[in-house]
Structures are given as structure tokens and as C-alpha cells.
Amino acid sequence: TGGKRALWAAINPQVDPAALRRESGYLTFRFVVNCKGEAGWFVLEQAGLDYRKKVFDQQTIRHLSGIVAGLKAWRPTVFRGKPQDAYCYLTFKLKDGEIVDLLP
């Protein structure tokens, strides 16, 4: 709820730069928001800034996955007047241990 600006506002205060370990690349969390607005079934995708597969430091992964899993203001997709389950993607673009963008 509230779009990208609300996501930044919810995520930024929780970010510990030390946990990002000077990492660079794209860390994508794919998950389902069910018809009740609850997130689950998290899948992680990792890539370098060159879009090639990469393995991030486990501390970085745990830190950001904890933040994403703790977000609660999800709104279910509504199709033909009925709430539906839907896949969501949230990608952190990191450069030298800083989150420089939140995609999409």
C-alpha cells in the first residue's frame, strides 16, 4: 500500500549498511501476496551488476530477506471484483554496499 515511496519509507530505517558487506548487484525477492494480503513463498534470485549469476554474502541475504519478510502492508490483487493471489518481485540494486535503487 502506498507504492514505491511507501516501500522505501518502510525499508530504509531498517537497513544496516554493515550487513550489506560492500556488495554490488541485484538481489531479487519473488513472492506471493495471497488474497488476504499476506506475503509468503519467497524465492531469491541473485545477479551481479553485469546480470550474470552471483552469490551474495549470507549476512546480506539474511538481512534483506528479514526486512522483506517483515513488510506487512501488502494489498491483494483484485480481479473482477475478487481478491486474488499474485506474484510480486522486489529487487534491491546494490552498489558498494549501498542500496541505490528499489525495482520495479
PDB file of N, CA and C in Angstrom:
ATOM      1  N   THR A   1       0.844  -1.175   0.000  1.00  0.00           N
ATOM      2  CA  THR A   1       0.000   0.000   0.000  1.00  0.00           C
ATOM      3  C   THR A   1       0.887   1.235   0.000  1.00  0.00           C
ATOM      4  N   GLY A   2       0.638   2.134  -0.942  1.00  0.00           N
ATOM      5  CA  GLY A   2       1.405   3.371  -0.992  1.00  0.00           C
ATOM      6  C   GLY A   2       2.507   3.375  -2.037  1.00  0.00           C
ATOM      7  N   GLY A   3       2.729   2.252  -2.725  1.00  0.00           N
ATOM      8  CA  GLY A   3       3.680   2.195  -3.820  1.00  0.00           C
ATOM      9  C   GLY A   3       5.140   2.229  -3.399  1.00  0.00           C
ATOM     10  N   LYS A   4       5.975   2.607  -4.354  1.00  0.00           N
ATOM     11  CA  LYS A   4       7.423   2.564  -4.167  1.00  0.00           C
ATOM     12  C   LYS A   4       7.878   3.499  -3.048  1.00  0.00           C
ATOM     13  N   ARG A   5       7.264   4.655  -2.945  1.00  0.00           N
ATOM     14  CA  ARG A   5       7.637   5.599  -1.887  1.00  0.00           C
ATOM     15  C   ARG A   5       7.398   4.994  -0.507  1.00  0.00           C
ATOM     16  N   ALA A   6       6.283   4.305  -0.340  1.00  0.00           N
ATOM     17  CA  ALA A   6       5.981   3.663   0.941  1.00  0.00           C
ATOM     18  C   ALA A   6       6.953   2.516   1.224  1.00  0.00           C
ATOM     19  N   LEU A   7       7.340   1.779   0.173  1.00  0.00           N
ATOM     20  CA  LEU A   7       8.321   0.710   0.349  1.00  0.00           C
ATOM     21  C   LEU A   7       9.645   1.270   0.848  1.00  0.00           C
ATOM     22  N   TRP A   8      10.139   2.327   0.197  1.00  0.00           N
ATOM     23  CA  TRP A   8      11.382   2.967   0.638  1.00  0.00           C
ATOM     24  C   TRP A   8      11.264   3.402   2.094  1.00  0.00           C
ATOM     25  N   ALA A   9      10.134   4.030   2.437  1.00  0.00           N
ATOM     26  CA  ALA A   9       9.945   4.529   3.800  1.00  0.00           C
ATOM     27  C   ALA A   9       9.930   3.392   4.824  1.00  0.00           C
ATOM     28  N   ALA A  10       9.419   2.240   4.440  1.00  0.00           N
ATOM     29  CA  ALA A  10       9.370   1.091   5.353  1.00  0.00           C
ATOM     30  C   ALA A  10      10.718   0.382   5.448  1.00  0.00           C
ATOM     31  N   ILE A  11      11.464   0.364   4.360  1.00  0.00           N
ATOM     32  CA  ILE A  11      12.712  -0.392   4.302  1.00  0.00           C
ATOM     33  C   ILE A  11      13.904   0.406   4.835  1.00  0.00           C
ATOM     34  N   ASN A  12      14.047   1.644   4.411  1.00  0.00           N
ATOM     35  CA  ASN A  12      15.234   2.447   4.737  1.00  0.00           C
ATOM     36  C   ASN A  12      15.608   2.475   6.219  1.00  0.00           C
ATOM     37  N   PRO A  13      14.671   2.703   7.133  1.00  0.00           N
ATOM     38  CA  PRO A  13      15.072   2.771   8.544  1.00  0.00           C
ATOM     39  C   PRO A  13      15.621   1.451   9.100  1.00  0.00           C
ATOM     40  N   GLN A  14      15.323   0.347   8.413  1.00  0.00           N
ATOM     41  CA  GLN A  14      15.752  -0.967   8.905  1.00  0.00           C
ATOM     42  C   GLN A  14      17.094  -1.421   8.343  1.00  0.00           C
ATOM     43  N   VAL A  15      17.601  -0.719   7.333  1.00  0.00           N
ATOM     44  CA  VAL A  15      18.826  -1.153   6.659  1.00  0.00           C
ATOM     45  C   VAL A  15      20.054  -0.842   7.514  1.00  0.00           C
ATOM     46  N   ASP A  16      20.859  -1.877   7.724  1.00  0.00           N
ATOM     47  CA  ASP A  16      22.138  -1.743   8.412  1.00  0.00           C
ATOM     48  C   ASP A  16      23.226  -1.834   7.346  1.00  0.00           C
ATOM     49  N   PRO A  17      23.875  -0.704   6.998  1.00  0.00           N
ATOM     50  CA  PRO A  17      24.900  -0.733   5.946  1.00  0.00           C
ATOM     51  C   PRO A  17      25.997  -1.776   6.189  1.00  0.00           C
ATOM     52  N   ALA A  18      26.335  -2.050   7.427  1.00  0.00           N
ATOM     53  CA  ALA A  18      27.366  -3.055   7.721  1.00  0.00           C
ATOM     54  C   ALA A  18      26.931  -4.444   7.250  1.00  0.00           C
ATOM     55  N   ALA A  19      25.630  -4.720   7.271  1.00  0.00           N
ATOM     56  CA  ALA A  19      25.120  -6.025   6.846  1.00  0.00           C
ATOM     57  C   ALA A  19      25.137  -6.187   5.330  1.00  0.00           C
ATOM     58  N   LEU A  20      25.294  -5.089   4.609  1.00  0.00           N
ATOM     59  CA  LEU A  20      25.307  -5.171   3.148  1.00  0.00           C
ATOM     60  C   LEU A  20      26.684  -5.538   2.602  1.00  0.00           C
ATOM     61  N   ARG A  21      27.695  -5.542   3.459  1.00  0.00           N
ATOM     62  CA  ARG A  21      29.016  -6.114   3.197  1.00  0.00           C
ATOM     63  C   ARG A  21      29.683  -5.605   1.918  1.00  0.00           C
ATOM     64  N   ARG A  22      29.466  -4.354   1.541  1.00  0.00           N
ATOM     65  CA  ARG A  22      30.079  -3.757   0.346  1.00  0.00           C
ATOM     66  C   ARG A  22      29.711  -4.514  -0.922  1.00  0.00           C
ATOM     67  N   GLU A  23      28.555  -5.170  -0.912  1.00  0.00           N
ATOM     68  CA  GLU A  23      28.079  -5.953  -2.052  1.00  0.00           C
ATOM     69  C   GLU A  23      27.612  -5.043  -3.186  1.00  0.00           C
ATOM     70  N   SER A  24      27.700  -5.572  -4.407  1.00  0.00           N
ATOM     71  CA  SER A  24      27.159  -4.916  -5.591  1.00  0.00           C
ATOM     72  C   SER A  24      26.410  -5.964  -6.400  1.00  0.00           C
ATOM     73  N   GLY A  25      25.266  -5.569  -6.959  1.00  0.00           N
ATOM     74  CA  GLY A  25      24.487  -6.478  -7.791  1.00  0.00           C
ATOM     75  C   GLY A  25      23.006  -6.319  -7.539  1.00  0.00           C
ATOM     76  N   TYR A  26      22.254  -7.283  -8.030  1.00  0.00           N
ATOM     77  CA  TYR A  26      20.799  -7.281  -7.920  1.00  0.00           C
ATOM     78  C   TYR A  26      20.362  -8.460  -7.059  1.00  0.00           C
ATOM     79  N   LEU A  27      19.614  -8.177  -6.026  1.00  0.00           N
ATOM     80  CA  LEU A  27      19.069  -9.203  -5.148  1.00  0.00           C
ATOM     81  C   LEU A  27      17.550  -9.113  -5.276  1.00  0.00           C
ATOM     82  N   THR A  28      16.955 -10.134  -5.891  1.00  0.00           N
ATOM     83  CA  THR A  28      15.521 -10.114  -6.186  1.00  0.00           C
ATOM     84  C   THR A  28      14.787 -11.111  -5.308  1.00  0.00           C
ATOM     85  N   PHE A  29      13.748 -10.636  -4.667  1.00  0.00           N
ATOM     86  CA  PHE A  29      12.858 -11.486  -3.877  1.00  0.00           C
ATOM     87  C   PHE A  29      11.562 -11.640  -4.658  1.00  0.00           C
ATOM     88  N   ARG A  30      11.233 -12.883  -5.003  1.00  0.00           N
ATOM     89  CA  ARG A  30       9.974 -13.184  -5.682  1.00  0.00           C
ATOM     90  C   ARG A  30       9.103 -13.864  -4.638  1.00  0.00           C
ATOM     91  N   PHE A  31       7.868 -13.442  -4.542  1.00  0.00           N
ATOM     92  CA  PHE A  31       6.992 -13.994  -3.516  1.00  0.00           C
ATOM     93  C   PHE A  31       5.542 -13.844  -3.923  1.00  0.00           C
ATOM     94  N   VAL A  32       4.679 -14.499  -3.182  1.00  0.00           N
ATOM     95  CA  VAL A  32       3.249 -14.441  -3.434  1.00  0.00           C
ATOM     96  C   VAL A  32       2.603 -13.564  -2.371  1.00  0.00           C
ATOM     97  N   VAL A  33       1.723 -12.676  -2.809  1.00  0.00           N
ATOM     98  CA  VAL A  33       0.831 -11.974  -1.887  1.00  0.00           C
ATOM     99  C   VAL A  33      -0.531 -12.620  -2.104  1.00  0.00           C
ATOM    100  N   ASN A  34      -1.034 -13.290  -1.061  1.00  0.00           N
ATOM    101  CA  ASN A  34      -2.283 -14.032  -1.229  1.00  0.00           C
ATOM    102  C   ASN A  34      -3.506 -13.114  -1.170  1.00  0.00           C
ATOM    103  N   CYS A  35      -4.659 -13.702  -1.299  1.00  0.00           N
ATOM    104  CA  CYS A  35      -5.903 -12.935  -1.353  1.00  0.00           C
ATOM    105  C   CYS A  35      -6.224 -12.228  -0.035  1.00  0.00           C
ATOM    106  N   LYS A  36      -5.490 -12.543   1.022  1.00  0.00           N
ATOM    107  CA  LYS A  36      -5.680 -11.867   2.318  1.00  0.00           C
ATOM    108  C   LYS A  36      -4.635 -10.772   2.536  1.00  0.00           C
ATOM    109  N   GLY A  37      -3.732 -10.584   1.557  1.00  0.00           N
ATOM    110  CA  GLY A  37      -2.687  -9.571   1.693  1.00  0.00           C
ATOM    111  C   GLY A  37      -1.484 -10.040   2.490  1.00  0.00           C
ATOM    112  N   GLU A  38      -1.307 -11.357   2.585  1.00  0.00           N
ATOM    113  CA  GLU A  38      -0.185 -11.928   3.324  1.00  0.00           C
ATOM    114  C   GLU A  38       0.883 -12.404   2.342  1.00  0.00           C
ATOM    115  N   ALA A  39       2.140 -12.089   2.643  1.00  0.00           N
ATOM    116  CA  ALA A  39       3.246 -12.482   1.769  1.00  0.00           C
ATOM    117  C   ALA A  39       3.837 -13.811   2.219  1.00  0.00           C
ATOM    118  N   GLY A  40       4.273 -14.615   1.252  1.00  0.00           N
ATOM    119  CA  GLY A  40       4.894 -15.893   1.552  1.00  0.00           C
ATOM    120  C   GLY A  40       5.495 -16.511   0.303  1.00  0.00           C
ATOM    121  N   TRP A  41       6.011 -17.719   0.425  1.00  0.00           N
ATOM    122  CA  TRP A  41       6.622 -18.478  -0.669  1.00  0.00           C
ATOM    123  C   TRP A  41       7.746 -17.672  -1.315  1.00  0.00           C
ATOM    124  N   PHE A  42       8.692 -17.237  -0.528  1.00  0.00           N
ATOM    125  CA  PHE A  42       9.794 -16.395  -1.002  1.00  0.00           C
ATOM    126  C   PHE A  42      10.821 -17.209  -1.783  1.00  0.00           C
ATOM    127  N   VAL A  43      11.248 -16.663  -2.901  1.00  0.00           N
ATOM    128  CA  VAL A  43      12.297 -17.236  -3.732  1.00  0.00           C
ATOM    129  C   VAL A  43      13.313 -16.126  -3.977  1.00  0.00           C
ATOM    130  N   LEU A  44      14.586 -16.469  -3.932  1.00  0.00           N
ATOM    131  CA  LEU A  44      15.652 -15.486  -4.069  1.00  0.00           C
ATOM    132  C   LEU A  44      16.384 -15.681  -5.391  1.00  0.00           C
ATOM    133  N   GLU A  45      16.648 -14.573  -6.086  1.00  0.00           N
ATOM    134  CA  GLU A  45      17.454 -14.585  -7.296  1.00  0.00           C
ATOM    135  C   GLU A  45      18.595 -13.595  -7.090  1.00  0.00           C
ATOM    136  N   GLN A  46      19.805 -13.979  -7.527  1.00  0.00           N
ATOM    137  CA  GLN A  46      20.995 -13.168  -7.300  1.00  0.00           C
ATOM    138  C   GLN A  46      21.740 -12.962  -8.611  1.00  0.00           C
ATOM    139  N   ALA A  47      22.178 -11.721  -8.845  1.00  0.00           N
ATOM    140  CA  ALA A  47      22.949 -11.418 -10.056  1.00  0.00           C
ATOM    141  C   ALA A  47      23.888 -10.259  -9.763  1.00  0.00           C
ATOM    142  N   GLY A  48      25.005 -10.237 -10.488  1.00  0.00           N
ATOM    143  CA  GLY A  48      25.921  -9.114 -10.402  1.00  0.00           C
ATOM    144  C   GLY A  48      25.390  -7.938 -11.216  1.00  0.00           C
ATOM    145  N   LEU A  49      26.092  -6.838 -11.188  1.00  0.00           N
ATOM    146  CA  LEU A  49      25.677  -5.673 -11.965  1.00  0.00           C
ATOM    147  C   LEU A  49      25.747  -5.943 -13.464  1.00  0.00           C
ATOM    148  N   ASP A  50      26.467  -6.998 -13.860  1.00  0.00           N
ATOM    149  CA  ASP A  50      26.539  -7.405 -15.266  1.00  0.00           C
ATOM    150  C   ASP A  50      25.428  -8.402 -15.625  1.00  0.00           C
ATOM    151  N   TYR A  51      24.502  -8.643 -14.686  1.00  0.00           N
ATOM    152  CA  TYR A  51      23.347  -9.544 -14.838  1.00  0.00           C
ATOM    153  C   TYR A  51      23.729 -11.023 -14.875  1.00  0.00           C
ATOM    154  N   ARG A  52      24.972 -11.349 -14.606  1.00  0.00           N
ATOM    155  CA  ARG A  52      25.378 -12.751 -14.523  1.00  0.00           C
ATOM    156  C   ARG A  52      25.132 -13.268 -13.118  1.00  0.00           C
ATOM    157  N   LYS A  53      24.904 -14.572 -13.010  1.00  0.00           N
ATOM    158  CA  LYS A  53      24.658 -15.164 -11.695  1.00  0.00           C
ATOM    159  C   LYS A  53      25.780 -14.829 -10.739  1.00  0.00           C
ATOM    160  N   LYS A  54      25.393 -14.598  -9.509  1.00  0.00           N
ATOM    161  CA  LYS A  54      26.342 -14.244  -8.455  1.00  0.00           C
ATOM    162  C   LYS A  54      25.809 -14.806  -7.145  1.00  0.00           C
ATOM    163  N   VAL A  55      26.689 -15.058  -6.214  1.00  0.00           N
ATOM    164  CA  VAL A  55      26.276 -15.489  -4.887  1.00  0.00           C
ATOM    165  C   VAL A  55      26.628 -14.369  -3.905  1.00  0.00           C
ATOM    166  N   PHE A  56      25.616 -13.823  -3.258  1.00  0.00           N
ATOM    167  CA  PHE A  56      25.805 -12.760  -2.273  1.00  0.00           C
ATOM    168  C   PHE A  56      26.234 -13.356  -0.937  1.00  0.00           C
ATOM    169  N   ASP A  57      26.859 -12.547  -0.119  1.00  0.00           N
ATOM    170  CA  ASP A  57      27.225 -12.916   1.238  1.00  0.00           C
ATOM    171  C   ASP A  57      25.949 -13.272   2.018  1.00  0.00           C
ATOM    172  N   GLN A  58      26.009 -14.324   2.820  1.00  0.00           N
ATOM    173  CA  GLN A  58      24.829 -14.782   3.565  1.00  0.00           C
ATOM    174  C   GLN A  58      24.300 -13.716   4.532  1.00  0.00           C
ATOM    175  N   GLN A  59      25.169 -12.910   5.091  1.00  0.00           N
ATOM    176  CA  GLN A  59      24.704 -11.867   6.003  1.00  0.00           C
ATOM    177  C   GLN A  59      23.836 -10.857   5.259  1.00  0.00           C
ATOM    178  N   THR A  60      24.228 -10.497   4.059  1.00  0.00           N
ATOM    179  CA  THR A  60      23.441  -9.568   3.246  1.00  0.00           C
ATOM    180  C   THR A  60      22.082 -10.170   2.926  1.00  0.00           C
ATOM    181  N   ILE A  61      22.076 -11.428   2.521  1.00  0.00           N
ATOM    182  CA  ILE A  61      20.826 -12.112   2.180  1.00  0.00           C
ATOM    183  C   ILE A  61      19.899 -12.180   3.390  1.00  0.00           C
ATOM    184  N   ARG A  62      20.429 -12.606   4.530  1.00  0.00           N
ATOM    185  CA  ARG A  62      19.594 -12.713   5.744  1.00  0.00           C
ATOM    186  C   ARG A  62      19.028 -11.361   6.147  1.00  0.00           C
ATOM    187  N   HIS A  63      19.851 -10.334   6.072  1.00  0.00           N
ATOM    188  CA  HIS A  63      19.417  -9.003   6.482  1.00  0.00           C
ATOM    189  C   HIS A  63      18.266  -8.501   5.598  1.00  0.00           C
ATOM    190  N   LEU A  64      18.465  -8.544   4.287  1.00  0.00           N
ATOM    191  CA  LEU A  64      17.419  -8.029   3.399  1.00  0.00           C
ATOM    192  C   LEU A  64      16.187  -8.930   3.366  1.00  0.00           C
ATOM    193  N   SER A  65      16.377 -10.241   3.454  1.00  0.00           N
ATOM    194  CA  SER A  65      15.199 -11.127   3.465  1.00  0.00           C
ATOM    195  C   SER A  65      14.379 -10.922   4.727  1.00  0.00           C
ATOM    196  N   GLY A  66      15.030 -10.641   5.844  1.00  0.00           N
ATOM    197  CA  GLY A  66      14.293 -10.345   7.077  1.00  0.00           C
ATOM    198  C   GLY A  66      13.461  -9.080   6.951  1.00  0.00           C
ATOM    199  N   ILE A  67      14.021  -8.085   6.288  1.00  0.00           N
ATOM    200  CA  ILE A  67      13.280  -6.834   6.083  1.00  0.00           C
ATOM    201  C   ILE A  67      12.079  -7.082   5.176  1.00  0.00           C
ATOM    202  N   VAL A  68      12.304  -7.772   4.050  1.00  0.00           N
ATOM    203  CA  VAL A  68      11.210  -8.023   3.102  1.00  0.00           C
ATOM    204  C   VAL A  68      10.119  -8.881   3.747  1.00  0.00           C
ATOM    205  N   ALA A  69      10.506  -9.924   4.453  1.00  0.00           N
ATOM    206  CA  ALA A  69       9.522 -10.811   5.091  1.00  0.00           C
ATOM    207  C   ALA A  69       8.722 -10.078   6.163  1.00  0.00           C
ATOM    208  N   GLY A  70       9.290  -9.030   6.740  1.00  0.00           N
ATOM    209  CA  GLY A  70       8.609  -8.276   7.793  1.00  0.00           C
ATOM    210  C   GLY A  70       7.646  -7.210   7.294  1.00  0.00           C
ATOM    211  N   LEU A  71       7.646  -6.948   5.988  1.00  0.00           N
ATOM    212  CA  LEU A  71       6.721  -5.949   5.445  1.00  0.00           C
ATOM    213  C   LEU A  71       5.292  -6.484   5.517  1.00  0.00           C
ATOM    214  N   LYS A  72       4.372  -5.664   5.981  1.00  0.00           N
ATOM    215  CA  LYS A  72       3.017  -6.156   6.237  1.00  0.00           C
ATOM    216  C   LYS A  72       1.898  -5.462   5.454  1.00  0.00           C
ATOM    217  N   ALA A  73       2.163  -4.342   4.822  1.00  0.00           N
ATOM    218  CA  ALA A  73       1.075  -3.565   4.220  1.00  0.00           C
ATOM    219  C   ALA A  73       0.797  -3.957   2.770  1.00  0.00           C
ATOM    220  N   TRP A  74       0.778  -5.258   2.493  1.00  0.00           N
ATOM    221  CA  TRP A  74       0.502  -5.711   1.130  1.00  0.00           C
ATOM    222  C   TRP A  74      -0.992  -5.682   0.851  1.00  0.00           C
ATOM    223  N   ARG A  75      -1.329  -5.285  -0.342  1.00  0.00           N
ATOM    224  CA  ARG A  75      -2.729  -5.246  -0.779  1.00  0.00           C
ATOM    225  C   ARG A  75      -2.904  -6.347  -1.831  1.00  0.00           C
ATOM    226  N   PRO A  76      -3.874  -7.234  -1.666  1.00  0.00           N
ATOM    227  CA  PRO A  76      -4.053  -8.299  -2.657  1.00  0.00           C
ATOM    228  C   PRO A  76      -4.508  -7.728  -4.002  1.00  0.00           C
ATOM    229  N   THR A  77      -4.173  -8.468  -5.056  1.00  0.00           N
ATOM    230  CA  THR A  77      -4.649  -8.116  -6.387  1.00  0.00           C
ATOM    231  C   THR A  77      -6.144  -8.379  -6.449  1.00  0.00           C
ATOM    232  N   VAL A  78      -6.870  -7.485  -7.091  1.00  0.00           N
ATOM    233  CA  VAL A  78      -8.318  -7.666  -7.261  1.00  0.00           C
ATOM    234  C   VAL A  78      -8.582  -7.845  -8.752  1.00  0.00           C
ATOM    235  N   PHE A  79      -9.234  -8.945  -9.089  1.00  0.00           N
ATOM    236  CA  PHE A  79      -9.579  -9.237 -10.477  1.00  0.00           C
ATOM    237  C   PHE A  79     -11.058  -9.564 -10.535  1.00  0.00           C
ATOM    238  N   ARG A  80     -11.770  -8.797 -11.356  1.00  0.00           N
ATOM    239  CA  ARG A  80     -13.228  -8.953 -11.486  1.00  0.00           C
ATOM    240  C   ARG A  80     -13.920  -8.885 -10.128  1.00  0.00           C
ATOM    241  N   GLY A  81     -13.429  -7.964  -9.305  1.00  0.00           N
ATOM    242  CA  GLY A  81     -14.059  -7.701  -8.020  1.00  0.00           C
ATOM    243  C   GLY A  81     -13.708  -8.657  -6.905  1.00  0.00           C
ATOM    244  N   LYS A  82     -12.821  -9.631  -7.175  1.00  0.00           N
ATOM    245  CA  LYS A  82     -12.454 -10.612  -6.153  1.00  0.00           C
ATOM    246  C   LYS A  82     -10.954 -10.547  -5.878  1.00  0.00           C
ATOM    247  N   PRO A  83     -10.578 -10.591  -4.585  1.00  0.00           N
ATOM    248  CA  PRO A  83      -9.143 -10.639  -4.252  1.00  0.00           C
ATOM    249  C   PRO A  83      -8.526 -11.938  -4.761  1.00  0.00           C
ATOM    250  N   GLN A  84      -7.313 -11.823  -5.316  1.00  0.00           N
ATOM    251  CA  GLN A  84      -6.611 -12.973  -5.889  1.00  0.00           C
ATOM    252  C   GLN A  84      -5.181 -13.032  -5.361  1.00  0.00           C
ATOM    253  N   ASP A  85      -4.597 -14.229  -5.405  1.00  0.00           N
ATOM    254  CA  ASP A  85      -3.170 -14.376  -5.129  1.00  0.00           C
ATOM    255  C   ASP A  85      -2.405 -13.837  -6.335  1.00  0.00           C
ATOM    256  N   ALA A  86      -1.218 -13.263  -6.091  1.00  0.00           N
ATOM    257  CA  ALA A  86      -0.393 -12.747  -7.186  1.00  0.00           C
ATOM    258  C   ALA A  86       1.081 -12.816  -6.814  1.00  0.00           C
ATOM    259  N   TYR A  87       1.928 -13.023  -7.832  1.00  0.00           N
ATOM    260  CA  TYR A  87       3.367 -12.966  -7.631  1.00  0.00           C
ATOM    261  C   TYR A  87       3.818 -11.519  -7.579  1.00  0.00           C
ATOM    262  N   CYS A  88       4.782 -11.253  -6.734  1.00  0.00           N
ATOM    263  CA  CYS A  88       5.399  -9.931  -6.636  1.00  0.00           C
ATOM    264  C   CYS A  88       6.909 -10.109  -6.737  1.00  0.00           C
ATOM    265  N   TYR A  89       7.560  -9.074  -7.235  1.00  0.00           N
ATOM    266  CA  TYR A  89       9.013  -9.046  -7.331  1.00  0.00           C
ATOM    267  C   TYR A  89       9.498  -7.768  -6.671  1.00  0.00           C
ATOM    268  N   LEU A  90      10.519  -7.886  -5.875  1.00  0.00           N
ATOM    269  CA  LEU A  90      11.139  -6.724  -5.250  1.00  0.00           C
ATOM    270  C   LEU A  90      12.654  -6.909  -5.403  1.00  0.00           C
ATOM    271  N   THR A  91      13.286  -6.018  -6.162  1.00  0.00           N
ATOM    272  CA  THR A  91      14.706  -6.130  -6.444  1.00  0.00           C
ATOM    273  C   THR A  91      15.467  -4.976  -5.812  1.00  0.00           C
ATOM    274  N   PHE A  92      16.487  -5.330  -5.054  1.00  0.00           N
ATOM    275  CA  PHE A  92      17.402  -4.342  -4.493  1.00  0.00           C
ATOM    276  C   PHE A  92      18.598  -4.245  -5.425  1.00  0.00           C
ATOM    277  N   LYS A  93      18.887  -3.041  -5.895  1.00  0.00           N
ATOM    278  CA  LYS A  93      20.114  -2.812  -6.656  1.00  0.00           C
ATOM    279  C   LYS A  93      21.124  -2.240  -5.681  1.00  0.00           C
ATOM    280  N   LEU A  94      22.210  -2.988  -5.484  1.00  0.00           N
ATOM    281  CA  LEU A  94      23.257  -2.570  -4.549  1.00  0.00           C
ATOM    282  C   LEU A  94      24.521  -2.207  -5.303  1.00  0.00           C
ATOM    283  N   LYS A  95      25.194  -1.182  -4.801  1.00  0.00           N
ATOM    284  CA  LYS A  95      26.494  -0.811  -5.354  1.00  0.00           C
ATOM    285  C   LYS A  95      27.405  -0.437  -4.198  1.00  0.00           C
ATOM    286  N   ASP A  96      28.482  -1.184  -4.051  1.00  0.00           N
ATOM    287  CA  ASP A  96      29.466  -0.955  -2.998  1.00  0.00           C
ATOM    288  C   ASP A  96      28.835  -0.850  -1.612  1.00  0.00           C
ATOM    289  N   GLY A  97      27.873  -1.735  -1.340  1.00  0.00           N
ATOM    290  CA  GLY A  97      27.264  -1.794  -0.014  1.00  0.00           C
ATOM    291  C   GLY A  97      26.164  -0.788   0.255  1.00  0.00           C
ATOM    292  N   GLU A  98      25.657  -0.136  -0.785  1.00  0.00           N
ATOM    293  CA  GLU A  98      24.541   0.800  -0.632  1.00  0.00           C
ATOM    294  C   GLU A  98      23.400   0.363  -1.537  1.00  0.00           C
ATOM    295  N   ILE A  99      22.179   0.540  -1.066  1.00  0.00           N
ATOM    296  CA  ILE A  99      21.016   0.300  -1.913  1.00  0.00           C
ATOM    297  C   ILE A  99      20.839   1.566  -2.748  1.00  0.00           C
ATOM    298  N   VAL A 100      21.048   1.429  -4.062  1.00  0.00           N
ATOM    299  CA  VAL A 100      20.952   2.593  -4.946  1.00  0.00           C
ATOM    300  C   VAL A 100      19.619   2.655  -5.676  1.00  0.00           C
ATOM    301  N   ASP A 101      18.875   1.543  -5.685  1.00  0.00           N
ATOM    302  CA  ASP A 101      17.545   1.561  -6.300  1.00  0.00           C
ATOM    303  C   ASP A 101      16.751   0.387  -5.783  1.00  0.00           C
ATOM    304  N   LEU A 102      15.449   0.551  -5.850  1.00  0.00           N
ATOM    305  CA  LEU A 102      14.493  -0.476  -5.477  1.00  0.00           C
ATOM    306  C   LEU A 102      13.610  -0.662  -6.697  1.00  0.00           C
ATOM    307  N   LEU A 103      13.626  -1.849  -7.259  1.00  0.00           N
ATOM    308  CA  LEU A 103      12.903  -2.100  -8.506  1.00  0.00           C
ATOM    309  C   LEU A 103      11.745  -3.041  -8.260  1.00  0.00           C
ATOM    310  N   PRO A 104      10.681  -3.022  -8.976  1.00  0.00           N
ATOM    311  CA  PRO A 104      10.459  -2.236 -10.182  1.00  0.00           C
ATOM    312  C   PRO A 104      10.169  -0.791  -9.887  1.00  0.00           C
TER     313      PRO A 104
END
